[in-house]
Each structure stands twice: as structure tokens, then as C-alpha cells.
Protein backbone atom coordinates (compact mmCIF):
# COMPACT_ATOMS: atom_id res chain seq x y z
CA MET A 1 -33.44 59.56 -44.56
CA LYS A 2 -36.39 61.44 -46.04
CA LYS A 3 -36.48 59.05 -48.98
CA SER A 4 -36.73 56.05 -46.65
CA TYR A 5 -39.45 57.74 -44.63
CA TYR A 6 -41.37 58.54 -47.79
CA GLU A 7 -41.07 54.94 -49.04
CA VAL A 8 -42.31 53.51 -45.75
CA LYS A 9 -45.16 56.02 -45.61
CA THR A 10 -46.18 55.18 -49.17
CA GLU A 11 -46.07 51.44 -48.45
CA VAL A 12 -48.21 51.82 -45.32
CA LYS A 13 -50.77 53.86 -47.24
CA ALA A 14 -50.90 51.23 -49.98
CA LYS A 15 -51.44 48.44 -47.44
CA PHE A 16 -54.14 50.46 -45.70
CA LEU A 17 -55.94 51.09 -48.99
CA SER A 18 -55.81 47.41 -49.90
CA TRP A 19 -57.19 46.57 -46.43
CA ASN A 20 -60.08 48.98 -46.97
CA ASN A 21 -60.83 47.40 -50.37
CA ILE A 22 -61.60 44.06 -48.70
CA LYS A 23 -65.37 44.08 -48.30
CA ASN A 24 -65.86 40.61 -46.84
CA ARG A 25 -65.87 40.81 -43.04
CA LYS A 26 -65.14 37.10 -42.62
CA LEU A 27 -62.01 37.46 -44.74
CA LYS A 28 -60.81 40.37 -42.61
CA VAL A 29 -61.37 38.37 -39.42
CA ALA A 30 -59.54 35.40 -40.93
CA LEU A 31 -56.58 37.58 -41.91
CA VAL A 32 -56.37 39.11 -38.43
CA LEU A 33 -56.52 35.68 -36.80
CA LEU A 34 -53.87 34.39 -39.19
CA PHE A 35 -51.60 37.32 -38.31
CA ILE A 36 -52.10 36.79 -34.57
CA THR A 37 -51.46 33.04 -34.96
CA ILE A 38 -48.24 33.60 -36.88
CA MET A 39 -46.99 36.10 -34.28
CA ALA A 40 -47.85 33.71 -31.42
CA LEU A 41 -46.06 30.88 -33.20
CA LYS A 42 -42.96 33.05 -33.67
CA VAL A 43 -42.93 33.98 -29.97
CA PHE A 44 -43.53 30.39 -28.88
CA THR A 45 -40.73 28.97 -31.04
CA THR A 46 -38.34 31.74 -29.96
CA VAL A 47 -38.98 30.97 -26.29
CA LEU A 48 -38.47 27.26 -26.89
CA THR A 49 -35.24 27.95 -28.77
CA PHE A 50 -33.86 30.08 -25.95
CA ASP A 51 -34.83 27.43 -23.39
CA TRP A 52 -33.07 24.78 -25.48
CA ILE A 53 -29.93 26.87 -25.84
CA ALA A 54 -29.92 27.62 -22.11
CA SER A 55 -30.25 23.92 -21.30
CA LEU A 56 -27.18 23.19 -23.44
CA PHE A 57 -25.00 25.36 -21.23
CA ASN A 58 -26.25 23.91 -17.95
């Protein structure tokens, strides 16, 4: 358990350091918008899938 926690903690620190190394503000904004867009698309497609499955059983 401690090994897994240590691995996750190390990975998060590495990602945070790589985020801080990005100096271009426009690139950071683009990455954040891309992340939000991907999450919204995942939620949207999941909702549509559940609606489609529910309509099959009606």
C-alpha cells in the first residue's frame, strides 16, 4: 500500500513540475480548455449511451 501511495505521489509531483516548466500562458490555457472539453465530451457521450440503453428496454 505504501509503495502504491509513493508511486502516485511521485507521479503527481512530476506532473506538477512539468506544468510549472510551461512558460507560455496561452499554451497553459489551451491545455486546460482541452482537458475541460475532453471531460465534457466523456460526460455527454456517457449520458447519451445511458439514454440509448434505457430506450432499448422501454
